Amino acid sequence: MINHLNECASLTQSYYALRHGQSLANVAGIISSDPKISTVQHGLSELGREQARAAGDAFAAEYIMSSSNDDYRGVAIYSSDFARARETASIFAQRLVGGGIPLYRGGDGEGDGEIVILERRLRERYFGELNGCTDERYGEVWDLDAVDADHVEFGVESANSVLERTTKFVIELDGRLSRSRTEDDASRWKCVLVAHGDVLQIMQTGFLRHEDASRHRSLRHLETATIRELILD
């Protein structure tokens, strides 16, 4: 199974995709996908930090104003461990705390009580020998994705591999949070998944129940620090 979301009729929690704010790699115009580098380098630019703060403030305001929030226990934030995503998630979370929004602090040994839980399955797609090259070369990979979502040209991680790992994570997370319900509190969580452009574009194909990830570039693009609700089709 490539798209694990096709295994379920519905999800118990609500999901949102949040792309990281502008990063130093974005400013430099380079591809940064190697975990050995990107977990410690290429964090946010000053604009990226401003974007993350604005995203957090907007989400907190929407949460407070929404009439449906009696159905929710709060917000659960999961993030790629790459520096740019991690920093975005931390700033976003702190803005929610400042707005009085309750945050999930993990369970079953995950997260160690942190308000941002790191998840490797949300890491950037690996771009192989293109890592460190100009980001103008993304288009070469995307053109091939549209023809064959299993391709690994240039040593890249296939689009279908990203679809498999991200949708499997969502299924596992949904089950974990569903099991955290009690008789006294059966409410749900709003889950914000902080990750990267390609990863979130591909994950969206999962929520749309596509059989593979070949059409991920046909979806509306997620700009930096943009948050979008993910609704299972």
C-alpha atoms as a PDB file:
ATOM      1  CA  MET A   1       0.000   0.000   0.000  1.00  0.00           C
ATOM      2  CA  ILE A   2       1.474   3.344  -1.082  1.00  0.00           C
ATOM      3  CA  ASN A   3      -1.266   5.613   0.273  1.00  0.00           C
ATOM      4  CA  HIS A   4      -2.164   4.310   3.723  1.00  0.00           C
ATOM      5  CA  LEU A   5      -5.011   6.805   4.024  1.00  0.00           C
ATOM      6  CA  ASN A   6      -6.896   4.702   1.494  1.00  0.00           C
ATOM      7  CA  GLU A   7      -7.094   2.027   4.205  1.00  0.00           C
ATOM      8  CA  CYS A   8      -9.446   4.062   6.393  1.00  0.00           C
ATOM      9  CA  ALA A   9     -12.934   5.486   5.960  1.00  0.00           C
ATOM     10  CA  SER A  10     -12.320   8.500   8.202  1.00  0.00           C
ATOM     11  CA  LEU A  11      -9.910  10.067  10.689  1.00  0.00           C
ATOM     12  CA  THR A  12     -10.702  10.868  14.312  1.00  0.00           C
ATOM     13  CA  GLN A  13      -8.534  14.015  14.583  1.00  0.00           C
ATOM     14  CA  SER A  14      -8.258  17.181  12.464  1.00  0.00           C
ATOM     15  CA  TYR A  15      -5.087  17.820  10.458  1.00  0.00           C
ATOM     16  CA  TYR A  16      -3.267  20.889   9.173  1.00  0.00           C
ATOM     17  CA  ALA A  17      -0.156  21.214   7.022  1.00  0.00           C
ATOM     18  CA  LEU A  18       2.260  24.011   7.935  1.00  0.00           C
ATOM     19  CA  ARG A  19       5.213  24.619   5.674  1.00  0.00           C
ATOM     20  CA  HIS A  20       8.307  26.031   7.366  1.00  0.00           C
ATOM     21  CA  GLY A  21       9.046  29.753   7.108  1.00  0.00           C
ATOM     22  CA  GLN A  22      11.606  31.175   4.721  1.00  0.00           C
ATOM     23  CA  SER A  23      14.913  29.412   5.375  1.00  0.00           C
ATOM     24  CA  LEU A  24      18.513  30.362   4.745  1.00  0.00           C
ATOM     25  CA  ALA A  25      18.514  27.693   2.024  1.00  0.00           C
ATOM     26  CA  ASN A  26      15.536  29.428   0.389  1.00  0.00           C
ATOM     27  CA  VAL A  27      17.433  32.724   0.505  1.00  0.00           C
ATOM     28  CA  ALA A  28      20.523  31.091  -1.015  1.00  0.00           C
ATOM     29  CA  GLY A  29      18.395  29.341  -3.650  1.00  0.00           C
ATOM     30  CA  ILE A  30      19.801  25.879  -2.907  1.00  0.00           C
ATOM     31  CA  ILE A  31      18.376  22.415  -2.296  1.00  0.00           C
ATOM     32  CA  SER A  32      18.892  21.348   1.328  1.00  0.00           C
ATOM     33  CA  SER A  33      17.728  17.775   1.909  1.00  0.00           C
ATOM     34  CA  ASP A  34      20.617  15.902   3.564  1.00  0.00           C
ATOM     35  CA  PRO A  35      19.735  15.183   7.221  1.00  0.00           C
ATOM     36  CA  LYS A  36      23.393  15.387   8.239  1.00  0.00           C
ATOM     37  CA  ILE A  37      23.393  19.021   7.119  1.00  0.00           C
ATOM     38  CA  SER A  38      19.803  20.184   7.360  1.00  0.00           C
ATOM     39  CA  THR A  39      19.179  19.112  10.948  1.00  0.00           C
ATOM     40  CA  VAL A  40      21.873  21.559  12.086  1.00  0.00           C
ATOM     41  CA  GLN A  41      22.074  24.174   9.302  1.00  0.00           C
ATOM     42  CA  HIS A  42      19.780  26.251   7.091  1.00  0.00           C
ATOM     43  CA  GLY A  43      17.409  27.442   9.799  1.00  0.00           C
ATOM     44  CA  LEU A  44      15.032  30.356   9.359  1.00  0.00           C
ATOM     45  CA  SER A  45      15.857  33.791   8.025  1.00  0.00           C
ATOM     46  CA  GLU A  46      14.547  36.794   9.952  1.00  0.00           C
ATOM     47  CA  LEU A  47      11.640  36.946   7.506  1.00  0.00           C
ATOM     48  CA  GLY A  48      11.030  33.248   8.144  1.00  0.00           C
ATOM     49  CA  ARG A  49      10.801  33.877  11.880  1.00  0.00           C
ATOM     50  CA  GLU A  50       8.347  36.705  11.285  1.00  0.00           C
ATOM     51  CA  GLN A  51       6.292  34.399   9.062  1.00  0.00           C
ATOM     52  CA  ALA A  52       6.200  31.702  11.753  1.00  0.00           C
ATOM     53  CA  ARG A  53       5.049  34.209  14.369  1.00  0.00           C
ATOM     54  CA  ALA A  54       2.314  35.469  12.051  1.00  0.00           C
ATOM     55  CA  ALA A  55       1.155  31.923  11.289  1.00  0.00           C
ATOM     56  CA  GLY A  56       0.946  31.126  14.998  1.00  0.00           C
ATOM     57  CA  ASP A  57      -0.970  34.299  15.806  1.00  0.00           C
ATOM     58  CA  ALA A  58      -3.442  33.699  12.977  1.00  0.00           C
ATOM     59  CA  PHE A  59      -4.034  30.084  13.972  1.00  0.00           C
ATOM     60  CA  ALA A  60      -4.494  31.029  17.635  1.00  0.00           C
ATOM     61  CA  ALA A  61      -7.009  33.724  16.700  1.00  0.00           C
ATOM     62  CA  GLU A  62      -8.945  31.304  14.484  1.00  0.00           C
ATOM     63  CA  TYR A  63      -8.949  28.693  17.244  1.00  0.00           C
ATOM     64  CA  ILE A  64     -10.310  31.148  19.804  1.00  0.00           C
ATOM     65  CA  MET A  65     -12.989  32.504  17.454  1.00  0.00           C
ATOM     66  CA  SER A  66     -14.211  29.140  16.143  1.00  0.00           C
ATOM     67  CA  SER A  67     -17.527  27.972  17.553  1.00  0.00           C
ATOM     68  CA  SER A  68     -16.516  24.320  17.030  1.00  0.00           C
ATOM     69  CA  ASN A  69     -13.637  24.341  19.483  1.00  0.00           C
ATOM     70  CA  ASP A  70     -15.646  22.792  22.299  1.00  0.00           C
ATOM     71  CA  ASP A  71     -15.044  19.598  20.315  1.00  0.00           C
ATOM     72  CA  TYR A  72     -11.257  19.929  20.734  1.00  0.00           C
ATOM     73  CA  ARG A  73      -8.839  19.386  23.581  1.00  0.00           C
ATOM     74  CA  GLY A  74      -6.240  21.657  21.998  1.00  0.00           C
ATOM     75  CA  VAL A  75      -3.473  21.499  19.406  1.00  0.00           C
ATOM     76  CA  ALA A  76      -0.891  18.761  18.810  1.00  0.00           C
ATOM     77  CA  ILE A  77       2.239  19.913  16.945  1.00  0.00           C
ATOM     78  CA  TYR A  78       4.470  17.431  15.119  1.00  0.00           C
ATOM     79  CA  SER A  79       7.485  18.577  13.145  1.00  0.00           C
ATOM     80  CA  SER A  80      10.262  17.438  10.874  1.00  0.00           C
ATOM     81  CA  ASP A  81      13.562  17.521  12.764  1.00  0.00           C
ATOM     82  CA  PHE A  82      15.220  19.671  10.078  1.00  0.00           C
ATOM     83  CA  ALA A  83      16.328  23.012  11.548  1.00  0.00           C
ATOM     84  CA  ARG A  84      13.997  25.165   9.446  1.00  0.00           C
ATOM     85  CA  ALA A  85      10.908  23.122  10.329  1.00  0.00           C
ATOM     86  CA  ARG A  86      11.911  22.672  13.961  1.00  0.00           C
ATOM     87  CA  GLU A  87      12.391  26.414  14.409  1.00  0.00           C
ATOM     88  CA  THR A  88       9.093  27.184  12.685  1.00  0.00           C
ATOM     89  CA  ALA A  89       7.254  24.718  14.914  1.00  0.00           C
ATOM     90  CA  SER A  90       8.828  26.130  18.074  1.00  0.00           C
ATOM     91  CA  ILE A  91       7.907  29.729  17.236  1.00  0.00           C
ATOM     92  CA  PHE A  92       4.404  28.671  16.146  1.00  0.00           C
ATOM     93  CA  ALA A  93       3.901  26.722  19.382  1.00  0.00           C
ATOM     94  CA  GLN A  94       5.032  29.600  21.570  1.00  0.00           C
ATOM     95  CA  ARG A  95       2.537  31.919  19.888  1.00  0.00           C
ATOM     96  CA  LEU A  96      -0.242  29.428  20.666  1.00  0.00           C
ATOM     97  CA  VAL A  97       0.905  29.226  24.288  1.00  0.00           C
ATOM     98  CA  GLY A  98       0.797  33.024  24.430  1.00  0.00           C
ATOM     99  CA  GLY A  99      -2.756  32.879  23.109  1.00  0.00           C
ATOM    100  CA  GLY A 100      -3.816  30.469  25.838  1.00  0.00           C
ATOM    101  CA  ILE A 101      -4.264  27.488  23.507  1.00  0.00           C
ATOM    102  CA  PRO A 102      -3.725  24.104  25.243  1.00  0.00           C
ATOM    103  CA  LEU A 103      -1.024  21.995  23.585  1.00  0.00           C
ATOM    104  CA  TYR A 104      -0.521  18.240  23.471  1.00  0.00           C
ATOM    105  CA  ARG A 105       2.626  17.118  25.276  1.00  0.00           C
ATOM    106  CA  GLY A 106       2.965  13.583  24.023  1.00  0.00           C
ATOM    107  CA  GLY A 107       2.052  10.202  25.381  1.00  0.00           C
ATOM    108  CA  ASP A 108       3.333   6.625  25.420  1.00  0.00           C
ATOM    109  CA  GLY A 109       6.900   7.886  25.808  1.00  0.00           C
ATOM    110  CA  GLU A 110       6.830  10.257  22.821  1.00  0.00           C
ATOM    111  CA  GLY A 111       8.019  13.826  23.026  1.00  0.00           C
ATOM    112  CA  ASP A 112       9.178  13.775  26.672  1.00  0.00           C
ATOM    113  CA  GLY A 113       6.562  16.386  27.529  1.00  0.00           C
ATOM    114  CA  GLU A 114       7.699  18.826  24.835  1.00  0.00           C
ATOM    115  CA  ILE A 115       5.125  21.010  23.092  1.00  0.00           C
ATOM    116  CA  VAL A 116       6.688  20.186  19.707  1.00  0.00           C
ATOM    117  CA  ILE A 117       7.158  16.494  18.950  1.00  0.00           C
ATOM    118  CA  LEU A 118       9.807  15.711  16.341  1.00  0.00           C
ATOM    119  CA  GLU A 119       8.990  13.112  13.702  1.00  0.00           C
ATOM    120  CA  ARG A 120      11.532  11.901  11.155  1.00  0.00           C
ATOM    121  CA  ARG A 121       8.824  10.787   8.744  1.00  0.00           C
ATOM    122  CA  LEU A 122       8.067  14.475   8.175  1.00  0.00           C
ATOM    123  CA  ARG A 123      11.614  15.158   6.965  1.00  0.00           C
ATOM    124  CA  GLU A 124      12.264  16.775   3.612  1.00  0.00           C
ATOM    125  CA  ARG A 125      12.311  14.511   0.598  1.00  0.00           C
ATOM    126  CA  TYR A 126      15.905  13.498  -0.099  1.00  0.00           C
ATOM    127  CA  PHE A 127      17.186  14.906  -3.386  1.00  0.00           C
ATOM    128  CA  GLY A 128      20.319  12.789  -3.727  1.00  0.00           C
ATOM    129  CA  GLU A 129      23.067  14.231  -5.905  1.00  0.00           C
ATOM    130  CA  LEU A 130      21.039  17.426  -6.350  1.00  0.00           C
ATOM    131  CA  ASN A 131      21.514  18.307  -2.687  1.00  0.00           C
ATOM    132  CA  GLY A 132      23.359  21.629  -2.514  1.00  0.00           C
ATOM    133  CA  CYS A 133      22.523  22.456  -6.144  1.00  0.00           C
ATOM    134  CA  THR A 134      20.428  25.388  -7.288  1.00  0.00           C
ATOM    135  CA  ASP A 135      16.746  24.977  -6.464  1.00  0.00           C
ATOM    136  CA  GLU A 136      15.983  25.555 -10.143  1.00  0.00           C
ATOM    137  CA  ARG A 137      16.696  21.839 -10.547  1.00  0.00           C
ATOM    138  CA  TYR A 138      13.600  20.827  -8.577  1.00  0.00           C
ATOM    139  CA  GLY A 139      11.677  21.085 -11.833  1.00  0.00           C
ATOM    140  CA  GLU A 140      13.697  18.268 -13.401  1.00  0.00           C
ATOM    141  CA  VAL A 141      12.606  15.933 -10.604  1.00  0.00           C
ATOM    142  CA  TRP A 142       8.991  17.078 -10.654  1.00  0.00           C
ATOM    143  CA  ASP A 143       8.691  16.505 -14.389  1.00  0.00           C
ATOM    144  CA  LEU A 144       9.833  12.920 -13.844  1.00  0.00           C
ATOM    145  CA  ASP A 145       7.458  12.508 -10.879  1.00  0.00           C
ATOM    146  CA  ALA A 146       4.502  13.209 -13.159  1.00  0.00           C
ATOM    147  CA  VAL A 147       5.543  10.329 -15.409  1.00  0.00           C
ATOM    148  CA  ASP A 148       6.682   7.851 -12.759  1.00  0.00           C
ATOM    149  CA  ALA A 149       6.194   8.548  -9.048  1.00  0.00           C
ATOM    150  CA  ASP A 150       8.526   5.634  -8.258  1.00  0.00           C
ATOM    151  CA  HIS A 151      11.531   7.114 -10.070  1.00  0.00           C
ATOM    152  CA  VAL A 152      14.809   7.647  -8.202  1.00  0.00           C
ATOM    153  CA  GLU A 153      16.696   9.618 -10.872  1.00  0.00           C
ATOM    154  CA  PHE A 154      19.656  11.581  -9.450  1.00  0.00           C
ATOM    155  CA  GLY A 155      19.432   9.364  -6.354  1.00  0.00           C
ATOM    156  CA  VAL A 156      16.306  11.153  -5.095  1.00  0.00           C
ATOM    157  CA  GLU A 157      13.778   9.614  -2.756  1.00  0.00           C
ATOM    158  CA  SER A 158      10.774   8.680  -4.867  1.00  0.00           C
ATOM    159  CA  ALA A 159       7.566  10.659  -4.489  1.00  0.00           C
ATOM    160  CA  ASN A 160       5.744   7.431  -3.670  1.00  0.00           C
ATOM    161  CA  SER A 161       8.201   6.717  -0.859  1.00  0.00           C
ATOM    162  CA  VAL A 162       7.323  10.090   0.664  1.00  0.00           C
ATOM    163  CA  LEU A 163       3.616   9.332   0.253  1.00  0.00           C
ATOM    164  CA  GLU A 164       4.035   5.970   1.964  1.00  0.00           C
ATOM    165  CA  ARG A 165       5.958   7.266   4.983  1.00  0.00           C
ATOM    166  CA  THR A 166       3.823  10.343   5.595  1.00  0.00           C
ATOM    167  CA  THR A 167       0.440   8.648   5.279  1.00  0.00           C
ATOM    168  CA  LYS A 168       1.582   5.763   7.468  1.00  0.00           C
ATOM    169  CA  PHE A 169       2.575   8.323  10.091  1.00  0.00           C
ATOM    170  CA  VAL A 170      -0.842  10.008   9.929  1.00  0.00           C
ATOM    171  CA  ILE A 171      -2.630   6.673  10.382  1.00  0.00           C
ATOM    172  CA  GLU A 172      -0.443   5.782  13.368  1.00  0.00           C
ATOM    173  CA  LEU A 173      -0.850   9.244  14.908  1.00  0.00           C
ATOM    174  CA  ASP A 174      -4.608   9.179  14.482  1.00  0.00           C
ATOM    175  CA  GLY A 175      -4.823   5.844  16.257  1.00  0.00           C
ATOM    176  CA  ARG A 176      -2.534   6.994  19.074  1.00  0.00           C
ATOM    177  CA  LEU A 177      -4.512  10.164  19.747  1.00  0.00           C
ATOM    178  CA  SER A 178      -7.812   8.329  19.464  1.00  0.00           C
ATOM    179  CA  ARG A 179      -6.664   5.894  22.150  1.00  0.00           C
ATOM    180  CA  SER A 180      -5.830   8.837  24.431  1.00  0.00           C
ATOM    181  CA  ARG A 181      -9.519   9.662  24.736  1.00  0.00           C
ATOM    182  CA  THR A 182     -11.234   8.919  28.039  1.00  0.00           C
ATOM    183  CA  GLU A 183     -14.845   8.493  29.097  1.00  0.00           C
ATOM    184  CA  ASP A 184     -14.654  11.925  30.712  1.00  0.00           C
ATOM    185  CA  ASP A 185     -13.009  13.604  27.725  1.00  0.00           C
ATOM    186  CA  ALA A 186     -13.788  12.270  24.258  1.00  0.00           C
ATOM    187  CA  SER A 187     -12.795  15.460  22.453  1.00  0.00           C
ATOM    188  CA  ARG A 188     -10.255  15.599  19.632  1.00  0.00           C
ATOM    189  CA  TRP A 189      -6.990  17.343  18.783  1.00  0.00           C
ATOM    190  CA  LYS A 190      -6.142  19.730  15.979  1.00  0.00           C
ATOM    191  CA  CYS A 191      -2.879  18.288  14.654  1.00  0.00           C
ATOM    192  CA  VAL A 192      -0.452  20.669  12.956  1.00  0.00           C
ATOM    193  CA  LEU A 193       2.184  18.885  10.856  1.00  0.00           C
ATOM    194  CA  VAL A 194       5.190  21.134  10.236  1.00  0.00           C
ATOM    195  CA  ALA A 195       7.251  20.040   7.270  1.00  0.00           C
ATOM    196  CA  HIS A 196       8.533  20.928   3.805  1.00  0.00           C
ATOM    197  CA  GLY A 197       7.163  21.896   0.417  1.00  0.00           C
ATOM    198  CA  ASP A 198       7.518  18.586  -1.402  1.00  0.00           C
ATOM    199  CA  VAL A 199       6.576  16.514   1.633  1.00  0.00           C
ATOM    200  CA  LEU A 200       3.365  18.443   2.233  1.00  0.00           C
ATOM    201  CA  GLN A 201       2.418  18.612  -1.453  1.00  0.00           C
ATOM    202  CA  ILE A 202       2.784  14.835  -1.602  1.00  0.00           C
ATOM    203  CA  MET A 203       0.935  14.298   1.683  1.00  0.00           C
ATOM    204  CA  GLN A 204      -1.990  16.255   0.262  1.00  0.00           C
ATOM    205  CA  THR A 205      -2.338  13.676  -2.513  1.00  0.00           C
ATOM    206  CA  GLY A 206      -2.785  11.130   0.258  1.00  0.00           C
ATOM    207  CA  PHE A 207      -5.675  13.053   1.813  1.00  0.00           C
ATOM    208  CA  LEU A 208      -7.225  13.310  -1.656  1.00  0.00           C
ATOM    209  CA  ARG A 209      -6.995   9.493  -1.867  1.00  0.00           C
ATOM    210  CA  HIS A 210      -4.767   9.455  -4.939  1.00  0.00           C
ATOM    211  CA  GLU A 211      -3.323   6.022  -5.625  1.00  0.00           C
ATOM    212  CA  ASP A 212       0.154   7.482  -6.091  1.00  0.00           C
ATOM    213  CA  ALA A 213       1.979  10.812  -5.792  1.00  0.00           C
ATOM    214  CA  SER A 214       2.374  11.571  -9.497  1.00  0.00           C
ATOM    215  CA  ARG A 215       0.035  14.583  -9.418  1.00  0.00           C
ATOM    216  CA  HIS A 216       1.501  16.378  -6.406  1.00  0.00           C
ATOM    217  CA  ARG A 217       2.650  19.378  -8.448  1.00  0.00           C
ATOM    218  CA  SER A 218      -0.859  19.874  -9.847  1.00  0.00           C
ATOM    219  CA  LEU A 219      -2.131  20.844  -6.386  1.00  0.00           C
ATOM    220  CA  ARG A 220      -2.202  24.422  -5.120  1.00  0.00           C
ATOM    221  CA  HIS A 221       1.307  25.248  -3.922  1.00  0.00           C
ATOM    222  CA  LEU A 222       2.032  25.758  -0.227  1.00  0.00           C
ATOM    223  CA  GLU A 223       4.092  28.919   0.185  1.00  0.00           C
ATOM    224  CA  THR A 224       6.470  29.341   3.120  1.00  0.00           C
ATOM    225  CA  ALA A 225       4.715  29.484   6.515  1.00  0.00           C
ATOM    226  CA  THR A 226       1.351  28.762   4.894  1.00  0.00           C
ATOM    227  CA  ILE A 227      -1.028  26.595   6.898  1.00  0.00           C
ATOM    228  CA  ARG A 228      -3.729  24.538   5.201  1.00  0.00           C
ATOM    229  CA  GLU A 229      -6.347  22.186   6.586  1.00  0.00           C
ATOM    230  CA  LEU A 230      -6.049  18.621   5.311  1.00  0.00           C
ATOM    231  CA  ILE A 231      -9.443  16.988   4.857  1.00  0.00           C
ATOM    232  CA  LEU A 232      -9.723  13.319   3.942  1.00  0.00           C
ATOM    233  CA  ASP A 233     -11.659  13.096   0.682  1.00  0.00           C
END
